[in-house]
Amino acid sequence: MRCEVVAIGTELLLGQIVDTNSSWIGEQLALAGIDSHFQVKVGDNFKRIEFCIRQALERSDAVICCGGLGPTQDDITREVIAHVMGAGMRRDEAIVDKIRHMFESRGRTMSDNNRRQADIPVGASPIPQMPGTAPGLICPVGGKVIYAVPGVPHEMREMMLGTILPDLRRRSGQTTVIRSRVLRTWGHSESGLAEVLAKRIEELDTLGTATLAFLASGIEGIKVRITVKADDEATALRVLAAEEALVRGLLGDVIFGIDEQSMETVVIEQLRREGRTLAVAELLTGGIMASRLTAIEGADAVLRGVRVLNGHAERGTGAERAAAAAARVREELGADIGIAAVAPDEAEGHPRGTVFLDVATADAHYAVSVAVPGDRNRYRNYAVISLLNFLRKTALGAREGRAA
């Protein structure tokens, strides 16, 4: 079973919107065992969209068209698909009523042009999931199929998970179960992880029980994805658990979480589990730490507060200022732990990108210096994640760094 993705929208070609939808869809197709050899982006032009869809149908069994289902004149995906099907259009009044109800529930009046979103090619059927005003479509073309989904990511994802992926599996006749787990890591490069896991990857090539893949995610670290294909759910989960345990044994505490966990969700959960509280001194991080932590549900139970401080509010070297800031914010806010990240003065002669991290508890300081890359924005974001990771591995976990 082969499936292509056609991302529709001139804004994608102009770089005004980054096409994260296609990459997500491609990942989901791979996890579902559906081959996807091509992904195409095309602007809002009837003839060019038609060409891309027809070309995709020649090469593949299924096509997912993403975008162009809105109410405006340049949203022409429905009309192009109808033309490819050789079909007319019909207006589904039940969908019109559903769209009208969405507007009225928000205290708004539906515009007449929203009625266009209820136009469906004859022979097509709407996707049951409809979280927004744009219905998705299942459009048969001979023995093949075109799916149309909106470009709004959360709407597209709900339709993919709820209808399209199960339908593709059914059409493919696939009976095996594919399950995956993503291990989130921080502190190793992709090449470093690959070197540690090289022997296991070679063994898996022979065994065929699972696969390991690396996904670089910038300031969110490197992801190690374990994928298992088995005859049934119980077997897949058993093999997945065994492989995860083996990989954790090889990588150790560079693994900080799984799947959608972020560094801050893991830290907040550790604090809650241990019944401890946190205070943050924002110096070079300039509010980024507060933004990431307070976005986590339940953070208010453990976060005593954040103080935005001048980087030179404390005296001394970078390391000394980090220690003083972490201790001061812990005491002033009455928290169990205080943390701070400080950039050294140029006169100290440290390499560019150096950051001093400090974690202060009632009876110890954990201190370390790290080198982080990038421009000012990346530098500050990397400092935030590095500091949270240092907290996770010291006061909240395996003792690392220098305790004073």
Foldseek 3Di string as FASTA:
>chain_A
DEEEEEEEAVCCVVVVDPQPVRVVVVVVCVLLVHHYDYYYYDYLDLVVVLVVVVVRVVVGQEYEYEALLALDPSSCPQVSLLVLQVFDKDFDVVLVVVQQVVQVVVVHGDDPSLSSLRIHTVQKDWQPQDPHSHTWIWHDRPSGIYIYFYNPRVRRVCSCVVPVSVVVCVSVVDQKHKDKKKFFFPDDDPVRLCVLCVVVQVVCVVVVQWHWDWDQDALQHIIIMIMGIGNDDVSRVVSRVVVVVVSCVSPPPSGQDMDPDGLLNSLLVLCVVVVFAEEEEAELLQCPLVVVNVVDPPSVSHYLYYHDDYLCPDDDFQQVSQAVRQVVRCVVSVGQKGKYKHDGDVVVVDDPQKIKIWIDGPQKIFIDIDGFDDDSNSSSSSRSSVNSSQCCCPVSHPNDHDID
